[in-house]
Amino acid sequence: MNITTDIRNMIVTMLAEGSPVWYVAGMVNMRSHDVYVIGCEAGYPDKAKLRRAVWAARNRVPQAA
């Protein structure tokens, strides 16, 4: 499955805010299992890990080529 970084960040952000997996899946038009796998990669169900993942993504400094 080809998922853009924006969609992945939106999924992680929504899960970190406390939205249930089934709700996030409906919002991004994906299967609940796929949303759950993306969330697990970022630390789901530990909301603290999800928040840190969101914070790290927002504060990442682009590397100069």
Protein backbone atom coordinates (compact mmCIF):
# COMPACT_ATOMS: atom_id res chain seq x y z
CA MET A 1 0.00 0.00 0.00
CA ASN A 2 1.39 3.35 -1.05
CA ILE A 3 0.70 5.92 1.68
CA THR A 4 1.97 9.47 1.54
CA THR A 5 3.75 11.01 4.49
CA ASP A 6 0.89 13.48 4.95
CA ILE A 7 -1.67 10.69 5.33
CA ARG A 8 0.60 8.77 7.70
CA ASN A 9 1.11 11.90 9.84
CA MET A 10 -2.63 12.58 9.88
CA ILE A 11 -3.34 9.01 11.04
CA VAL A 12 -0.75 9.20 13.83
CA THR A 13 -1.98 12.64 14.90
CA MET A 14 -5.61 11.51 15.07
CA LEU A 15 -4.67 8.42 17.08
CA ALA A 16 -2.55 10.56 19.43
CA GLU A 17 -5.55 12.84 19.99
CA GLY A 18 -7.53 9.81 21.15
CA SER A 19 -9.63 9.02 18.09
CA PRO A 20 -10.50 5.31 17.82
CA VAL A 21 -8.95 3.25 15.01
CA TRP A 22 -12.31 2.63 13.30
CA TYR A 23 -13.01 6.39 13.20
CA VAL A 24 -9.60 7.23 11.76
CA ALA A 25 -10.04 4.46 9.16
CA GLY A 26 -13.33 5.98 8.07
CA MET A 27 -11.85 9.47 7.83
CA VAL A 28 -8.93 8.39 5.62
CA ASN A 29 -10.96 5.76 3.72
CA MET A 30 -8.73 2.82 4.70
CA ARG A 31 -9.22 -0.52 6.41
CA SER A 32 -9.04 -0.48 10.21
CA HIS A 33 -6.24 -3.04 10.13
CA ASP A 34 -4.07 -0.80 7.93
CA VAL A 35 -4.63 2.16 10.26
CA TYR A 36 -3.79 -0.04 13.25
CA VAL A 37 -0.52 -1.19 11.63
CA ILE A 38 0.52 2.41 10.89
CA GLY A 39 -0.36 3.36 14.46
CA CYS A 40 1.65 0.45 15.88
CA GLU A 41 4.70 1.56 13.90
CA ALA A 42 4.43 4.92 15.68
CA GLY A 43 3.81 3.46 19.14
CA TYR A 44 0.05 2.83 19.31
CA PRO A 45 -1.68 2.17 21.76
CA ASP A 46 0.75 4.17 23.95
CA LYS A 47 -0.52 7.72 23.44
CA ALA A 48 2.68 9.22 24.89
CA LYS A 49 4.75 7.49 22.19
CA LEU A 50 2.30 8.70 19.54
CA ARG A 51 2.59 12.28 20.79
CA ARG A 52 6.38 12.05 20.69
CA ALA A 53 6.19 10.72 17.11
CA VAL A 54 3.96 13.64 16.10
CA TRP A 55 6.27 16.12 17.83
CA ALA A 56 9.35 14.63 16.16
CA ALA A 57 7.73 14.77 12.73
CA ARG A 58 6.76 18.42 13.18
CA ASN A 59 10.16 19.47 14.47
CA ARG A 60 12.30 17.52 12.02
CA VAL A 61 14.83 19.75 10.32
CA PRO A 62 15.21 19.08 6.59
CA GLN A 63 18.71 17.90 5.71
CA ALA A 64 20.62 19.92 3.13
CA ALA A 65 21.65 17.89 0.11
